[in-house]
C-alpha cells in the first residue's frame, strides 16, 4: 500500500514535555481512548511515560464500537500499575459519579493516609490522549458547565487547563498528542480513520480506499449492506459523486465515505482487530 502516514507537529513535542512535568504533581491519569481503536491510541512509550501512577482508561465513543471492545482491550493490556477501565458514550452527558468513584478507588490509600491526619485529600488528575479523542468533551461533561474548548477536529486544545470538578478533584485538560514515528502503519491508518490525524496532511482519497479495504477484512458484508455495492468506484458512482462529463469527484466521494464511517453509518468496528 502506497499510503504512508506520519504527523507530529512541533507543538506536540513541547506538549509531551509539559505533560511529563505536570505529571509530577498529579495523583493519577485519565487516559481517554477512542473505543473504535483503543489499543491504537496508546502511546508506545506509555509505561515509561506514566511510571507507577494509577490510570483510569476511558473508552470514549463506545456507542460507535462493537460489543466486547472493553474486554478485548483489557486482554491486550499489560500495564503494571493500578488501573481501571470505564466506557463513555460520545453523545450522552453525565456519568461523572462513575469517574469519581473509580478515581477514589484507585487512590484509596492516598486518600486514607491524608484522612488519618484529618486532611481531605485534593486529587489532581491529568487527562491525556491522542488528538480528537474527546478529552475536552469528557471534561465538560464532568463539569456540566462547558469550561473547555472543544471541536470535532484534531488540535483544538492547544494549552493546558486546570478545571475544578468538585472541591476535592481537579482535572488537567491537555492538548492531544501522538508520537514522533509510527512504526506500525496500521496504527497510523486507524488513527487517521477516526480523525486523530488531520485530514489535510493525508491523501484523503487513498485513505478512504484503504478504509474500505480494512473494513472488509473485519466485516466482509458491511460495505455491501450499506451501499449495495463493494468497490470504491462503484460507491462513488452510485452516490452521484460525479463532475461534468461523468468524471469522478474523488474528493467528494472520499469525504462521503469517511464521513459515513465516522458517523457510525457503516456499522460498529474495533479497528484494533487489524493489528
C-alpha atoms as a PDB file:
ATOM      1  CA  UNK A   1       0.000   0.000   0.000  1.00  0.00           C
ATOM      2  CA  UNK A   2       1.439   3.374  -1.048  1.00  0.00           C
ATOM      3  CA  UNK A   3      -0.247   5.378   1.717  1.00  0.00           C
ATOM      4  CA  UNK A   4       2.317   6.270   4.395  1.00  0.00           C
ATOM      5  CA  UNK A   5       1.285   8.402   7.372  1.00  0.00           C
ATOM      6  CA  UNK A   6       3.430  10.391   9.768  1.00  0.00           C
ATOM      7  CA  UNK A   7       2.195  13.515  11.556  1.00  0.00           C
ATOM      8  CA  UNK A   8       3.978  15.041  14.541  1.00  0.00           C
ATOM      9  CA  UNK A   9       3.715  18.858  14.578  1.00  0.00           C
ATOM     10  CA  UNK A  10       6.361  20.707  16.549  1.00  0.00           C
ATOM     11  CA  UNK A  11       3.961  21.754  19.305  1.00  0.00           C
ATOM     12  CA  UNK A  12       3.353  18.090  20.200  1.00  0.00           C
ATOM     13  CA  UNK A  13       6.954  17.601  21.311  1.00  0.00           C
ATOM     14  CA  UNK A  14       6.576  20.601  23.605  1.00  0.00           C
ATOM     15  CA  UNK A  15       3.252  19.247  24.837  1.00  0.00           C
ATOM     16  CA  UNK A  16       4.776  15.884  25.771  1.00  0.00           C
ATOM     17  CA  UNK A  17       7.426  17.687  27.820  1.00  0.00           C
ATOM     18  CA  UNK A  18       4.751  19.808  29.500  1.00  0.00           C
ATOM     19  CA  UNK A  19       2.651  16.768  30.375  1.00  0.00           C
ATOM     20  CA  UNK A  20       5.711  14.990  31.754  1.00  0.00           C
ATOM     21  CA  UNK A  21       6.401  17.955  34.037  1.00  0.00           C
ATOM     22  CA  UNK A  22       2.773  18.254  35.183  1.00  0.00           C
ATOM     23  CA  UNK A  23       2.530  14.536  35.946  1.00  0.00           C
ATOM     24  CA  UNK A  24       4.999  15.036  38.798  1.00  0.00           C
ATOM     25  CA  UNK A  25       2.303  16.835  40.791  1.00  0.00           C
ATOM     26  CA  UNK A  26      -0.585  14.619  39.631  1.00  0.00           C
ATOM     27  CA  UNK A  27      -2.010  11.765  41.666  1.00  0.00           C
ATOM     28  CA  UNK A  28      -3.379   9.804  38.714  1.00  0.00           C
ATOM     29  CA  UNK A  29      -4.026   9.848  34.983  1.00  0.00           C
ATOM     30  CA  UNK A  30      -7.216   9.615  32.977  1.00  0.00           C
ATOM     31  CA  UNK A  31      -6.313   8.243  29.554  1.00  0.00           C
ATOM     32  CA  UNK A  32      -9.121   8.905  27.069  1.00  0.00           C
ATOM     33  CA  UNK A  33      -9.126   6.429  24.171  1.00  0.00           C
ATOM     34  CA  UNK A  34     -11.317   6.159  21.094  1.00  0.00           C
ATOM     35  CA  UNK A  35     -13.279   2.936  21.595  1.00  0.00           C
ATOM     36  CA  UNK A  36     -13.089   2.201  17.862  1.00  0.00           C
ATOM     37  CA  UNK A  37      -9.321   1.583  18.202  1.00  0.00           C
ATOM     38  CA  UNK A  38      -8.339   1.922  21.880  1.00  0.00           C
ATOM     39  CA  UNK A  39      -5.089  -0.012  21.662  1.00  0.00           C
ATOM     40  CA  UNK A  40      -4.006   2.026  18.635  1.00  0.00           C
ATOM     41  CA  UNK A  41      -4.483   5.172  20.759  1.00  0.00           C
ATOM     42  CA  UNK A  42      -1.889   4.093  23.340  1.00  0.00           C
ATOM     43  CA  UNK A  43       1.498   5.783  23.173  1.00  0.00           C
ATOM     44  CA  UNK A  44       4.162   3.058  22.622  1.00  0.00           C
ATOM     45  CA  UNK A  45       6.235   4.642  25.421  1.00  0.00           C
ATOM     46  CA  UNK A  46       3.224   4.725  27.709  1.00  0.00           C
ATOM     47  CA  UNK A  47       4.760   2.654  30.524  1.00  0.00           C
ATOM     48  CA  UNK A  48       7.794   4.878  30.970  1.00  0.00           C
ATOM     49  CA  UNK A  49       5.702   7.998  30.444  1.00  0.00           C
ATOM     50  CA  UNK A  50       3.208   7.084  33.162  1.00  0.00           C
ATOM     51  CA  UNK A  51       5.552   5.434  35.627  1.00  0.00           C
ATOM     52  CA  UNK A  52       3.642   3.974  38.571  1.00  0.00           C
ATOM     53  CA  UNK A  53       0.755   6.413  38.656  1.00  0.00           C
ATOM     54  CA  UNK A  54      -2.728   4.848  38.717  1.00  0.00           C
ATOM     55  CA  UNK A  55      -4.545   5.091  35.388  1.00  0.00           C
ATOM     56  CA  UNK A  56      -8.240   5.297  34.602  1.00  0.00           C
ATOM     57  CA  UNK A  57      -8.800   4.371  30.967  1.00  0.00           C
ATOM     58  CA  UNK A  58     -11.911   5.897  29.422  1.00  0.00           C
ATOM     59  CA  UNK A  59     -13.085   4.145  26.267  1.00  0.00           C
ATOM     60  CA  UNK A  60     -14.872   7.079  24.675  1.00  0.00           C
ATOM     61  CA  UNK A  61     -17.410   6.908  21.834  1.00  0.00           C
ATOM     62  CA  UNK A  62     -18.406   3.416  22.936  1.00  0.00           C
ATOM     63  CA  UNK A  63     -21.663   3.843  21.013  1.00  0.00           C
ATOM     64  CA  UNK A  64     -19.627   3.664  17.790  1.00  0.00           C
ATOM     65  CA  UNK A  65     -17.748   0.490  18.785  1.00  0.00           C
ATOM     66  CA  UNK A  66     -18.900  -3.156  18.804  1.00  0.00           C
ATOM     67  CA  UNK A  67     -19.759  -5.172  21.882  1.00  0.00           C
ATOM     68  CA  UNK A  68     -16.781  -6.709  23.661  1.00  0.00           C
ATOM     69  CA  UNK A  69     -14.293  -3.940  22.859  1.00  0.00           C
ATOM     70  CA  UNK A  70     -13.622  -3.276  26.550  1.00  0.00           C
ATOM     71  CA  UNK A  71     -12.843  -6.930  27.221  1.00  0.00           C
ATOM     72  CA  UNK A  72     -10.606  -7.139  24.145  1.00  0.00           C
ATOM     73  CA  UNK A  73      -8.709  -4.036  25.236  1.00  0.00           C
ATOM     74  CA  UNK A  74      -8.149  -5.421  28.741  1.00  0.00           C
ATOM     75  CA  UNK A  75      -6.905  -8.716  27.304  1.00  0.00           C
ATOM     76  CA  UNK A  76      -4.143  -6.874  25.399  1.00  0.00           C
ATOM     77  CA  UNK A  77      -3.225  -4.508  28.221  1.00  0.00           C
ATOM     78  CA  UNK A  78      -0.012  -5.334  30.094  1.00  0.00           C
ATOM     79  CA  UNK A  79       0.166  -2.274  32.342  1.00  0.00           C
ATOM     80  CA  UNK A  80       1.771  -2.988  35.715  1.00  0.00           C
ATOM     81  CA  UNK A  81       0.396  -0.041  37.663  1.00  0.00           C
ATOM     82  CA  UNK A  82      -3.104   0.095  39.208  1.00  0.00           C
ATOM     83  CA  UNK A  83      -5.752   0.791  36.595  1.00  0.00           C
ATOM     84  CA  UNK A  84      -9.439   0.669  35.791  1.00  0.00           C
ATOM     85  CA  UNK A  85     -11.434   0.850  32.550  1.00  0.00           C
ATOM     86  CA  UNK A  86     -14.782   2.526  32.013  1.00  0.00           C
ATOM     87  CA  UNK A  87     -16.774   3.400  28.886  1.00  0.00           C
ATOM     88  CA  UNK A  88     -18.415   6.629  27.784  1.00  0.00           C
ATOM     89  CA  UNK A  89     -20.967   7.446  25.085  1.00  0.00           C
ATOM     90  CA  UNK A  90     -19.993  10.090  22.527  1.00  0.00           C
ATOM     91  CA  UNK A  91     -23.353  11.854  22.560  1.00  0.00           C
ATOM     92  CA  UNK A  92     -24.647  11.465  26.109  1.00  0.00           C
ATOM     93  CA  UNK A  93     -23.522  13.598  29.026  1.00  0.00           C
ATOM     94  CA  UNK A  94     -23.422  12.550  32.651  1.00  0.00           C
ATOM     95  CA  UNK A  95     -21.588   9.644  34.244  1.00  0.00           C
ATOM     96  CA  UNK A  96     -19.362  11.818  36.417  1.00  0.00           C
ATOM     97  CA  UNK A  97     -20.099   9.776  39.553  1.00  0.00           C
ATOM     98  CA  UNK A  98     -18.683   6.650  37.901  1.00  0.00           C
ATOM     99  CA  UNK A  99     -15.462   8.520  37.140  1.00  0.00           C
ATOM    100  CA  UNK A 100     -15.196   9.971  40.644  1.00  0.00           C
ATOM    101  CA  UNK A 101     -15.816   6.602  42.306  1.00  0.00           C
ATOM    102  CA  UNK A 102     -13.220   4.912  40.108  1.00  0.00           C
ATOM    103  CA  UNK A 103     -10.592   7.546  40.936  1.00  0.00           C
ATOM    104  CA  UNK A 104     -11.412   7.274  44.649  1.00  0.00           C
ATOM    105  CA  UNK A 105     -10.947   3.523  44.433  1.00  0.00           C
ATOM    106  CA  UNK A 106      -7.632   3.783  42.581  1.00  0.00           C
ATOM    107  CA  UNK A 107      -6.358   6.381  45.067  1.00  0.00           C
ATOM    108  CA  UNK A 108      -7.937   4.950  48.222  1.00  0.00           C
ATOM    109  CA  UNK A 109      -4.596   4.532  50.006  1.00  0.00           C
ATOM    110  CA  UNK A 110      -3.549   8.147  49.425  1.00  0.00           C
ATOM    111  CA  UNK A 111      -6.973   9.443  50.425  1.00  0.00           C
ATOM    112  CA  UNK A 112      -6.940   7.362  53.616  1.00  0.00           C
ATOM    113  CA  UNK A 113      -3.390   8.395  54.505  1.00  0.00           C
ATOM    114  CA  UNK A 114      -4.451  12.043  54.445  1.00  0.00           C
ATOM    115  CA  UNK A 115      -7.673  11.250  56.319  1.00  0.00           C
ATOM    116  CA  UNK A 116      -5.634   9.658  59.118  1.00  0.00           C
ATOM    117  CA  UNK A 117      -4.168  13.106  59.714  1.00  0.00           C
ATOM    118  CA  UNK A 118      -7.512  14.875  59.457  1.00  0.00           C
ATOM    119  CA  UNK A 119      -6.882  16.128  55.938  1.00  0.00           C
ATOM    120  CA  UNK A 120      -9.254  15.819  52.994  1.00  0.00           C
ATOM    121  CA  UNK A 121      -7.118  14.838  50.017  1.00  0.00           C
ATOM    122  CA  UNK A 122      -7.460  17.029  46.927  1.00  0.00           C
ATOM    123  CA  UNK A 123      -6.979  14.871  43.849  1.00  0.00           C
ATOM    124  CA  UNK A 124      -5.121  16.255  40.861  1.00  0.00           C
ATOM    125  CA  UNK A 125      -5.580  14.151  37.750  1.00  0.00           C
ATOM    126  CA  UNK A 126      -4.179  14.689  34.251  1.00  0.00           C
ATOM    127  CA  UNK A 127      -6.445  13.888  31.300  1.00  0.00           C
ATOM    128  CA  UNK A 128      -4.397  12.762  28.302  1.00  0.00           C
ATOM    129  CA  UNK A 129      -4.985  11.143  24.930  1.00  0.00           C
ATOM    130  CA  UNK A 130      -4.453  11.391  21.204  1.00  0.00           C
ATOM    131  CA  UNK A 131      -5.903  14.296  19.266  1.00  0.00           C
ATOM    132  CA  UNK A 132      -9.666  14.338  18.725  1.00  0.00           C
ATOM    133  CA  UNK A 133     -10.357  11.509  21.182  1.00  0.00           C
ATOM    134  CA  UNK A 134     -12.831  13.626  23.164  1.00  0.00           C
ATOM    135  CA  UNK A 135     -10.818  14.760  26.186  1.00  0.00           C
ATOM    136  CA  UNK A 136     -12.297  18.255  26.406  1.00  0.00           C
ATOM    137  CA  UNK A 137     -15.839  16.996  25.844  1.00  0.00           C
ATOM    138  CA  UNK A 138     -15.261  14.422  28.568  1.00  0.00           C
ATOM    139  CA  UNK A 139     -14.167  17.159  30.986  1.00  0.00           C
ATOM    140  CA  UNK A 140     -17.103  19.374  30.002  1.00  0.00           C
ATOM    141  CA  UNK A 141     -19.452  16.501  30.816  1.00  0.00           C
ATOM    142  CA  UNK A 142     -17.759  16.200  34.194  1.00  0.00           C
ATOM    143  CA  UNK A 143     -18.283  19.899  34.957  1.00  0.00           C
ATOM    144  CA  UNK A 144     -21.656  20.373  33.255  1.00  0.00           C
ATOM    145  CA  UNK A 145     -20.531  23.947  32.602  1.00  0.00           C
ATOM    146  CA  UNK A 146     -18.655  23.871  29.298  1.00  0.00           C
ATOM    147  CA  UNK A 147     -15.345  25.004  30.764  1.00  0.00           C
ATOM    148  CA  UNK A 148     -13.074  23.853  27.943  1.00  0.00           C
ATOM    149  CA  UNK A 149     -12.954  24.499  24.223  1.00  0.00           C
ATOM    150  CA  UNK A 150     -13.977  21.543  22.055  1.00  0.00           C
ATOM    151  CA  UNK A 151     -14.217  20.700  18.384  1.00  0.00           C
ATOM    152  CA  UNK A 152     -14.642  17.706  16.089  1.00  0.00           C
ATOM    153  CA  UNK A 153     -11.169  18.017  14.629  1.00  0.00           C
ATOM    154  CA  UNK A 154      -7.666  17.324  15.945  1.00  0.00           C
ATOM    155  CA  UNK A 155      -5.705  20.012  17.715  1.00  0.00           C
ATOM    156  CA  UNK A 156      -8.418  22.268  19.169  1.00  0.00           C
ATOM    157  CA  UNK A 157      -6.960  22.206  22.696  1.00  0.00           C
ATOM    158  CA  UNK A 158      -3.536  23.865  22.470  1.00  0.00           C
ATOM    159  CA  UNK A 159      -2.784  24.752  26.104  1.00  0.00           C
ATOM    160  CA  UNK A 160      -3.182  23.105  29.487  1.00  0.00           C
ATOM    161  CA  UNK A 161      -6.198  23.977  31.626  1.00  0.00           C
ATOM    162  CA  UNK A 162      -6.806  23.022  35.255  1.00  0.00           C
ATOM    163  CA  UNK A 163     -10.538  22.512  35.705  1.00  0.00           C
ATOM    164  CA  UNK A 164     -12.266  22.103  39.101  1.00  0.00           C
ATOM    165  CA  UNK A 165     -14.766  19.237  39.158  1.00  0.00           C
ATOM    166  CA  UNK A 166     -15.532  19.151  42.889  1.00  0.00           C
ATOM    167  CA  UNK A 167     -13.969  20.826  45.911  1.00  0.00           C
ATOM    168  CA  UNK A 168     -11.529  17.933  46.061  1.00  0.00           C
ATOM    169  CA  UNK A 169     -10.982  16.985  42.413  1.00  0.00           C
ATOM    170  CA  UNK A 170      -9.187  18.967  39.727  1.00  0.00           C
ATOM    171  CA  UNK A 171      -8.646  17.728  36.174  1.00  0.00           C
ATOM    172  CA  UNK A 172      -5.848  18.884  33.881  1.00  0.00           C
ATOM    173  CA  UNK A 173      -7.027  19.173  30.285  1.00  0.00           C
ATOM    174  CA  UNK A 174      -4.061  18.725  27.946  1.00  0.00           C
ATOM    175  CA  UNK A 175      -3.558  19.095  24.185  1.00  0.00           C
ATOM    176  CA  UNK A 176      -3.809  15.887  22.205  1.00  0.00           C
ATOM    177  CA  UNK A 177      -0.525  14.230  21.346  1.00  0.00           C
ATOM    178  CA  UNK A 178       0.739  11.486  19.073  1.00  0.00           C
ATOM    179  CA  UNK A 179       4.297  10.179  18.873  1.00  0.00           C
ATOM    180  CA  UNK A 180       7.223  11.093  16.590  1.00  0.00           C
ATOM    181  CA  UNK A 181       7.265   7.952  14.409  1.00  0.00           C
ATOM    182  CA  UNK A 182       4.620   5.375  13.549  1.00  0.00           C
ATOM    183  CA  UNK A 183       6.482   2.069  13.441  1.00  0.00           C
ATOM    184  CA  UNK A 184       3.170   0.371  12.613  1.00  0.00           C
ATOM    185  CA  UNK A 185       1.364   1.977   9.686  1.00  0.00           C
ATOM    186  CA  UNK A 186      -1.848   0.133  10.560  1.00  0.00           C
ATOM    187  CA  UNK A 187      -1.895   2.076  13.826  1.00  0.00           C
ATOM    188  CA  UNK A 188      -1.403   5.275  11.839  1.00  0.00           C
ATOM    189  CA  UNK A 189      -4.248   4.398   9.481  1.00  0.00           C
ATOM    190  CA  UNK A 190      -6.546   3.509  12.368  1.00  0.00           C
ATOM    191  CA  UNK A 191      -5.913   6.894  13.962  1.00  0.00           C
ATOM    192  CA  UNK A 192      -6.456   8.629  10.633  1.00  0.00           C
ATOM    193  CA  UNK A 193      -9.722   6.778  10.085  1.00  0.00           C
ATOM    194  CA  UNK A 194     -11.170   8.066  13.366  1.00  0.00           C
ATOM    195  CA  UNK A 195      -9.930  11.620  12.771  1.00  0.00           C
ATOM    196  CA  UNK A 196      -6.991  11.771  15.181  1.00  0.00           C
ATOM    197  CA  UNK A 197      -4.662  12.823  12.362  1.00  0.00           C
ATOM    198  CA  UNK A 198      -5.500  15.920  10.349  1.00  0.00           C
ATOM    199  CA  UNK A 199      -7.268  15.051   7.102  1.00  0.00           C
ATOM    200  CA  UNK A 200      -5.358  17.839   5.363  1.00  0.00           C
ATOM    201  CA  UNK A 201      -1.969  16.124   5.811  1.00  0.00           C
ATOM    202  CA  UNK A 202      -3.106  12.832   4.239  1.00  0.00           C
ATOM    203  CA  UNK A 203      -4.052  11.768   0.741  1.00  0.00           C
ATOM    204  CA  UNK A 204      -7.739  11.632   1.653  1.00  0.00           C
ATOM    205  CA  UNK A 205      -8.776   9.623  -1.403  1.00  0.00           C
ATOM    206  CA  UNK A 206      -6.204   6.925  -0.685  1.00  0.00           C
ATOM    207  CA  UNK A 207      -7.255   6.943   2.965  1.00  0.00           C
ATOM    208  CA  UNK A 208     -10.898   6.304   2.082  1.00  0.00           C
ATOM    209  CA  UNK A 209      -9.885   3.497  -0.258  1.00  0.00           C
ATOM    210  CA  UNK A 210      -7.731   1.930   2.458  1.00  0.00           C
ATOM    211  CA  UNK A 211     -10.637   2.227   4.883  1.00  0.00           C
ATOM    212  CA  UNK A 212     -12.944   0.198   2.637  1.00  0.00           C
ATOM    213  CA  UNK A 213     -10.279  -2.494   2.286  1.00  0.00           C
ATOM    214  CA  UNK A 214      -9.718  -2.668   6.033  1.00  0.00           C
ATOM    215  CA  UNK A 215     -13.401  -2.653   6.986  1.00  0.00           C
ATOM    216  CA  UNK A 216     -13.991  -5.517   4.550  1.00  0.00           C
ATOM    217  CA  UNK A 217     -11.402  -7.555   6.461  1.00  0.00           C
ATOM    218  CA  UNK A 218     -13.254  -7.001   9.727  1.00  0.00           C
ATOM    219  CA  UNK A 219     -16.835  -7.336   8.474  1.00  0.00           C
ATOM    220  CA  UNK A 220     -16.926  -8.574   4.845  1.00  0.00           C
ATOM    221  CA  UNK A 221     -20.611  -7.769   4.310  1.00  0.00           C
ATOM    222  CA  UNK A 222     -20.698  -4.346   5.956  1.00  0.00           C
ATOM    223  CA  UNK A 223     -19.875  -2.313   2.836  1.00  0.00           C
ATOM    224  CA  UNK A 224     -22.421  -4.061   0.625  1.00  0.00           C
ATOM    225  CA  UNK A 225     -25.047  -3.798   3.369  1.00  0.00           C
ATOM    226  CA  UNK A 226     -24.637  -0.020   3.432  1.00  0.00           C
ATOM    227  CA  UNK A 227     -24.051   0.840  -0.223  1.00  0.00           C
ATOM    228  CA  UNK A 228     -25.380  -2.125  -2.190  1.00  0.00           C
ATOM    229  CA  UNK A 229     -22.004  -2.365  -3.969  1.00  0.00           C
ATOM    230  CA  UNK A 230     -18.487  -3.035  -2.722  1.00  0.00           C
ATOM    231  CA  UNK A 231     -15.780  -1.193  -4.672  1.00  0.00           C
ATOM    232  CA  UNK A 232     -14.767   2.414  -4.111  1.00  0.00           C
ATOM    233  CA  UNK A 233     -15.594   3.432  -7.673  1.00  0.00           C
ATOM    234  CA  UNK A 234     -18.989   1.729  -7.607  1.00  0.00           C
ATOM    235  CA  UNK A 235     -19.850   3.504  -4.375  1.00  0.00           C
ATOM    236  CA  UNK A 236     -18.767   6.886  -5.747  1.00  0.00           C
ATOM    237  CA  UNK A 237     -20.871   6.448  -8.871  1.00  0.00           C
ATOM    238  CA  UNK A 238     -23.922   5.146  -7.028  1.00  0.00           C
ATOM    239  CA  UNK A 239     -23.837   8.104  -4.630  1.00  0.00           C
ATOM    240  CA  UNK A 240     -23.570  10.545  -7.537  1.00  0.00           C
ATOM    241  CA  UNK A 241     -20.075  11.821  -6.775  1.00  0.00           C
ATOM    242  CA  UNK A 242     -19.544  12.979 -10.348  1.00  0.00           C
ATOM    243  CA  UNK A 243     -18.318  16.058 -12.143  1.00  0.00           C
ATOM    244  CA  UNK A 244     -19.303  17.196 -15.624  1.00  0.00           C
ATOM    245  CA  UNK A 245     -18.815  14.547 -18.252  1.00  0.00           C
ATOM    246  CA  UNK A 246     -19.214  11.763 -15.735  1.00  0.00           C
ATOM    247  CA  UNK A 247     -15.761  12.256 -14.229  1.00  0.00           C
ATOM    248  CA  UNK A 248     -15.490  11.010 -10.654  1.00  0.00           C
ATOM    249  CA  UNK A 249     -15.380  13.698  -7.969  1.00  0.00           C
ATOM    250  CA  UNK A 250     -12.803  11.800  -5.932  1.00  0.00           C
ATOM    251  CA  UNK A 251     -12.540  14.274  -3.075  1.00  0.00           C
ATOM    252  CA  UNK A 252     -16.304  14.373  -2.601  1.00  0.00           C
ATOM    253  CA  UNK A 253     -16.511  10.579  -2.684  1.00  0.00           C
ATOM    254  CA  UNK A 254     -13.709  10.240  -0.155  1.00  0.00           C
ATOM    255  CA  UNK A 255     -15.335  12.773   2.171  1.00  0.00           C
ATOM    256  CA  UNK A 256     -18.662  10.949   1.940  1.00  0.00           C
ATOM    257  CA  UNK A 257     -17.182   7.523   2.688  1.00  0.00           C
ATOM    258  CA  UNK A 258     -15.057   8.752   5.590  1.00  0.00           C
ATOM    259  CA  UNK A 259     -17.978  10.756   6.975  1.00  0.00           C
ATOM    260  CA  UNK A 260     -20.313   7.773   6.947  1.00  0.00           C
ATOM    261  CA  UNK A 261     -17.747   5.668   8.774  1.00  0.00           C
ATOM    262  CA  UNK A 262     -17.052   8.317  11.414  1.00  0.00           C
ATOM    263  CA  UNK A 263     -20.779   8.804  11.990  1.00  0.00           C
ATOM    264  CA  UNK A 264     -21.224   5.076  12.571  1.00  0.00           C
ATOM    265  CA  UNK A 265     -23.382   4.556   9.481  1.00  0.00           C
ATOM    266  CA  UNK A 266     -21.221   1.715   8.138  1.00  0.00           C
ATOM    267  CA  UNK A 267     -21.510  -0.246  11.373  1.00  0.00           C
ATOM    268  CA  UNK A 268     -19.535  -0.651  14.570  1.00  0.00           C
ATOM    269  CA  UNK A 269     -15.900  -1.647  14.240  1.00  0.00           C
ATOM    270  CA  UNK A 270     -12.929  -2.339  16.501  1.00  0.00           C
ATOM    271  CA  UNK A 271     -10.066  -1.374  14.206  1.00  0.00           C
ATOM    272  CA  UNK A 272      -7.564  -2.932  16.610  1.00  0.00           C
ATOM    273  CA  UNK A 273      -8.598  -6.241  15.079  1.00  0.00           C
ATOM    274  CA  UNK A 274      -6.437  -5.241  12.102  1.00  0.00           C
ATOM    275  CA  UNK A 275      -3.224  -5.052  14.158  1.00  0.00           C
END
